[in-house]
C-alpha atoms as a PDB file:
ATOM      1  CA  UNK A   1     -42.846 -40.980  41.682  1.00  0.00           C
ATOM      2  CA  UNK A   2     -43.489 -44.626  40.757  1.00  0.00           C
ATOM      3  CA  UNK A   3     -40.256 -45.356  38.897  1.00  0.00           C
ATOM      4  CA  UNK A   4     -38.773 -47.749  41.461  1.00  0.00           C
ATOM      5  CA  UNK A   5     -42.018 -49.650  41.765  1.00  0.00           C
ATOM      6  CA  UNK A   6     -42.436 -49.821  38.006  1.00  0.00           C
ATOM      7  CA  UNK A   7     -38.983 -51.422  37.787  1.00  0.00           C
ATOM      8  CA  UNK A   8     -40.084 -54.057  40.300  1.00  0.00           C
ATOM      9  CA  UNK A   9     -43.044 -54.886  38.073  1.00  0.00           C
ATOM     10  CA  UNK A  10     -41.136 -55.542  34.886  1.00  0.00           C
ATOM     11  CA  UNK A  11     -41.824 -59.038  33.550  1.00  0.00           C
ATOM     12  CA  UNK A  12     -38.191 -60.165  33.960  1.00  0.00           C
ATOM     13  CA  UNK A  13     -37.885 -58.902  37.516  1.00  0.00           C
ATOM     14  CA  UNK A  14     -37.217 -61.454  40.239  1.00  0.00           C
ATOM     15  CA  UNK A  15     -39.228 -59.246  42.587  1.00  0.00           C
ATOM     16  CA  UNK A  16     -42.291 -59.022  40.350  1.00  0.00           C
ATOM     17  CA  UNK A  17     -44.794 -60.315  42.929  1.00  0.00           C
ATOM     18  CA  UNK A  18     -43.304 -58.293  45.786  1.00  0.00           C
ATOM     19  CA  UNK A  19     -43.293 -55.194  43.615  1.00  0.00           C
ATOM     20  CA  UNK A  20     -46.918 -55.763  42.617  1.00  0.00           C
ATOM     21  CA  UNK A  21     -47.910 -55.998  46.291  1.00  0.00           C
ATOM     22  CA  UNK A  22     -45.963 -52.840  47.113  1.00  0.00           C
ATOM     23  CA  UNK A  23     -47.712 -51.021  44.265  1.00  0.00           C
ATOM     24  CA  UNK A  24     -51.081 -52.098  45.634  1.00  0.00           C
ATOM     25  CA  UNK A  25     -50.297 -50.659  49.061  1.00  0.00           C
ATOM     26  CA  UNK A  26     -48.583 -47.391  48.218  1.00  0.00           C
ATOM     27  CA  UNK A  27     -49.405 -44.544  48.885  1.00  0.00           C
ATOM     28  CA  UNK A  28     -52.829 -45.525  50.151  1.00  0.00           C
ATOM     29  CA  UNK A  29     -51.610 -46.482  53.601  1.00  0.00           C
ATOM     30  CA  UNK A  30     -50.815 -42.807  54.161  1.00  0.00           C
ATOM     31  CA  UNK A  31     -53.800 -41.183  52.463  1.00  0.00           C
ATOM     32  CA  UNK A  32     -56.539 -43.602  51.343  1.00  0.00           C
ATOM     33  CA  UNK A  33     -58.834 -40.851  50.059  1.00  0.00           C
ATOM     34  CA  UNK A  34     -56.384 -39.380  47.520  1.00  0.00           C
ATOM     35  CA  UNK A  35     -58.044 -39.670  44.104  1.00  0.00           C
ATOM     36  CA  UNK A  36     -54.888 -38.741  42.184  1.00  0.00           C
ATOM     37  CA  UNK A  37     -53.044 -41.729  43.653  1.00  0.00           C
ATOM     38  CA  UNK A  38     -55.748 -44.088  42.396  1.00  0.00           C
ATOM     39  CA  UNK A  39     -55.635 -42.499  38.943  1.00  0.00           C
ATOM     40  CA  UNK A  40     -51.839 -42.729  38.817  1.00  0.00           C
ATOM     41  CA  UNK A  41     -51.780 -46.337  39.963  1.00  0.00           C
ATOM     42  CA  UNK A  42     -54.475 -47.160  37.402  1.00  0.00           C
ATOM     43  CA  UNK A  43     -52.234 -45.716  34.695  1.00  0.00           C
ATOM     44  CA  UNK A  44     -49.421 -48.009  35.824  1.00  0.00           C
ATOM     45  CA  UNK A  45     -51.747 -51.002  35.790  1.00  0.00           C
ATOM     46  CA  UNK A  46     -52.640 -50.122  32.170  1.00  0.00           C
ATOM     47  CA  UNK A  47     -48.945 -50.135  31.297  1.00  0.00           C
ATOM     48  CA  UNK A  48     -48.673 -53.704  32.554  1.00  0.00           C
ATOM     49  CA  UNK A  49     -51.903 -54.910  30.963  1.00  0.00           C
ATOM     50  CA  UNK A  50     -53.767 -55.214  34.272  1.00  0.00           C
ATOM     51  CA  UNK A  51     -56.952 -53.666  32.908  1.00  0.00           C
ATOM     52  CA  UNK A  52     -59.392 -54.861  35.563  1.00  0.00           C
ATOM     53  CA  UNK A  53     -57.180 -53.498  38.349  1.00  0.00           C
ATOM     54  CA  UNK A  54     -56.886 -50.225  36.445  1.00  0.00           C
ATOM     55  CA  UNK A  55     -60.672 -49.969  36.063  1.00  0.00           C
ATOM     56  CA  UNK A  56     -61.089 -50.530  39.800  1.00  0.00           C
ATOM     57  CA  UNK A  57     -58.608 -47.747  40.537  1.00  0.00           C
ATOM     58  CA  UNK A  58     -60.288 -45.347  38.118  1.00  0.00           C
ATOM     59  CA  UNK A  59     -63.647 -46.184  39.712  1.00  0.00           C
ATOM     60  CA  UNK A  60     -62.188 -45.373  43.134  1.00  0.00           C
ATOM     61  CA  UNK A  61     -60.742 -42.105  41.842  1.00  0.00           C
ATOM     62  CA  UNK A  62     -64.151 -41.151  40.406  1.00  0.00           C
ATOM     63  CA  UNK A  63     -65.909 -42.149  43.625  1.00  0.00           C
ATOM     64  CA  UNK A  64     -63.584 -39.847  45.588  1.00  0.00           C
ATOM     65  CA  UNK A  65     -63.643 -37.024  43.033  1.00  0.00           C
ATOM     66  CA  UNK A  66     -66.762 -37.257  40.822  1.00  0.00           C
ATOM     67  CA  UNK A  67     -65.549 -34.522  38.445  1.00  0.00           C
ATOM     68  CA  UNK A  68     -62.165 -36.189  37.749  1.00  0.00           C
ATOM     69  CA  UNK A  69     -62.047 -36.038  33.951  1.00  0.00           C
ATOM     70  CA  UNK A  70     -58.727 -37.899  33.609  1.00  0.00           C
ATOM     71  CA  UNK A  71     -60.101 -40.903  35.502  1.00  0.00           C
ATOM     72  CA  UNK A  72     -63.221 -40.996  33.300  1.00  0.00           C
ATOM     73  CA  UNK A  73     -61.077 -40.711  30.173  1.00  0.00           C
ATOM     74  CA  UNK A  74     -58.658 -43.454  31.218  1.00  0.00           C
ATOM     75  CA  UNK A  75     -61.475 -45.798  32.184  1.00  0.00           C
ATOM     76  CA  UNK A  76     -63.199 -45.198  28.859  1.00  0.00           C
ATOM     77  CA  UNK A  77     -59.963 -45.922  27.019  1.00  0.00           C
ATOM     78  CA  UNK A  78     -59.719 -49.315  28.726  1.00  0.00           C
ATOM     79  CA  UNK A  79     -63.322 -50.191  27.901  1.00  0.00           C
ATOM     80  CA  UNK A  80     -62.611 -49.328  24.276  1.00  0.00           C
ATOM     81  CA  UNK A  81     -59.433 -51.470  24.252  1.00  0.00           C
ATOM     82  CA  UNK A  82     -61.457 -54.366  25.625  1.00  0.00           C
ATOM     83  CA  UNK A  83     -64.076 -53.927  22.908  1.00  0.00           C
ATOM     84  CA  UNK A  84     -66.729 -52.906  25.414  1.00  0.00           C
ATOM     85  CA  UNK A  85     -68.034 -50.087  23.274  1.00  0.00           C
ATOM     86  CA  UNK A  86     -71.339 -49.762  25.108  1.00  0.00           C
ATOM     87  CA  UNK A  87     -69.695 -49.003  28.465  1.00  0.00           C
ATOM     88  CA  UNK A  88     -67.667 -45.900  27.534  1.00  0.00           C
ATOM     89  CA  UNK A  89     -70.726 -44.088  26.247  1.00  0.00           C
ATOM     90  CA  UNK A  90     -72.598 -44.761  29.497  1.00  0.00           C
ATOM     91  CA  UNK A  91     -69.854 -44.483  32.108  1.00  0.00           C
ATOM     92  CA  UNK A  92     -67.119 -42.268  30.727  1.00  0.00           C
ATOM     93  CA  UNK A  93     -69.226 -39.175  30.522  1.00  0.00           C
ATOM     94  CA  UNK A  94     -68.268 -36.809  33.283  1.00  0.00           C
ATOM     95  CA  UNK A  95     -71.298 -35.343  35.023  1.00  0.00           C
ATOM     96  CA  UNK A  96     -71.662 -31.613  34.666  1.00  0.00           C
ATOM     97  CA  UNK A  97     -72.794 -29.532  37.592  1.00  0.00           C
END
């Protein structure tokens, strides 16, 4: 689904900035409350080392779907990579109903 956009974001791409902007806008213009889109875009941001943008997307996915385990897991993985070991234990735990 994101292959073309991922190609635009490669470090050697002449369209890197345009591709990054396109990634920020898609597919949210069509369905801004789609938690899966935020989670997927966050995963792409991880691939390109954009950890803060990824965390924001995972937070949005969790806000839209509070039981979204993948978003909690991905966010916790980033906190761990950043050495923020206190945060995963407090924020990566999915609430149980």
